[in-house]
Protein backbone atom coordinates (compact mmCIF):
# COMPACT_ATOMS: atom_id res chain seq x y z
CA UNK A 1 63.03 94.13 105.71
CA UNK A 2 66.65 94.06 106.86
CA UNK A 3 68.14 97.38 107.92
CA UNK A 4 70.98 98.11 105.48
CA UNK A 5 72.37 100.68 107.92
CA UNK A 6 72.96 98.00 110.57
CA UNK A 7 74.98 95.38 108.70
CA UNK A 8 76.98 92.85 110.71
CA UNK A 9 80.67 93.83 110.75
CA UNK A 10 81.78 90.39 109.51
CA UNK A 11 79.74 90.33 106.29
CA UNK A 12 81.87 89.97 103.18
CA UNK A 13 81.47 92.73 100.62
CA UNK A 14 78.57 92.28 98.23
CA UNK A 15 74.84 92.68 97.93
CA UNK A 16 73.81 90.02 100.49
CA UNK A 17 74.15 90.78 104.20
CA UNK A 18 72.91 89.99 107.68
CA UNK A 19 72.10 92.66 110.23
CA UNK A 20 73.83 93.29 113.51
CA UNK A 21 71.96 91.94 116.56
CA UNK A 22 71.89 95.44 118.08
CA UNK A 23 69.59 96.84 115.38
CA UNK A 24 67.17 99.18 117.17
CA UNK A 25 64.50 98.53 114.54
CA UNK A 26 64.07 94.97 115.80
CA UNK A 27 65.42 93.41 112.63
CA UNK A 28 68.73 92.28 114.11
CA UNK A 29 69.85 88.68 114.06
CA UNK A 30 68.55 86.63 116.99
CA UNK A 31 70.95 83.70 116.48
CA UNK A 32 68.16 81.31 115.48
CA UNK A 33 70.61 79.35 113.24
CA UNK A 34 68.23 79.01 110.28
CA UNK A 35 70.55 80.49 107.64
CA UNK A 36 73.89 79.07 108.67
CA UNK A 37 72.48 75.57 109.03
CA UNK A 38 70.39 75.87 105.84
CA UNK A 39 73.15 77.36 103.68
CA UNK A 40 76.49 76.95 105.49
CA UNK A 41 78.45 77.74 102.33
CA UNK A 42 77.15 81.32 102.45
CA UNK A 43 76.24 82.06 106.06
CA UNK A 44 78.25 81.64 109.24
CA UNK A 45 77.87 82.46 112.91
CA UNK A 46 80.03 84.75 115.00
CA UNK A 47 81.20 83.96 118.54
CA UNK A 48 77.74 84.89 119.87
CA UNK A 49 75.81 82.79 117.34
CA UNK A 50 74.72 85.75 115.22
CA UNK A 51 74.72 85.27 111.46
CA UNK A 52 76.79 87.00 108.81
CA UNK A 53 77.42 86.41 105.12
CA UNK A 54 80.77 84.69 104.64
CA UNK A 55 80.50 84.19 100.85
CA UNK A 56 78.38 85.95 98.26
CA UNK A 57 76.28 83.78 95.92
CA UNK A 58 77.64 83.49 92.40
CA UNK A 59 75.11 81.43 90.42
CA UNK A 60 71.33 81.55 90.08
CA UNK A 61 71.17 78.40 92.21
CA UNK A 62 73.27 80.07 94.92
CA UNK A 63 70.98 83.11 94.82
CA UNK A 64 67.93 80.86 95.17
CA UNK A 65 69.41 79.17 98.24
CA UNK A 66 70.20 82.52 99.85
CA UNK A 67 66.70 83.75 99.01
CA UNK A 68 65.26 80.69 100.76
CA UNK A 69 67.21 81.62 103.89
CA UNK A 70 66.02 85.22 103.68
CA UNK A 71 62.41 84.04 103.37
CA UNK A 72 62.85 81.68 106.35
CA UNK A 73 64.48 84.26 108.64
CA UNK A 74 62.01 84.87 111.49
CA UNK A 75 63.13 88.48 112.09
CA UNK A 76 64.00 89.62 108.52
CA UNK A 77 67.66 90.13 109.35
CA UNK A 78 68.94 88.96 105.95
CA UNK A 79 69.07 91.56 103.23
CA UNK A 80 69.87 91.87 99.54
CA UNK A 81 71.00 95.25 98.21
CA UNK A 82 70.58 94.06 94.64
């Protein structure tokens, strides 16, 4: 489960987030590119390749796509506060 206390600084406000790569719990982004290639409308990469949420989902279909990325994340660095 993503560490809500270690959110990436570039996440837009909202319930979806990605964690900072420096998360001591081992749930930080490892720049695998799964989310920002799978859902580029919602996820982006910073200058180091680490993911952050650039747009919050608005429809049930958007939520489903973001959920797919969360399920596919190999280190559980995508979270949903909702």
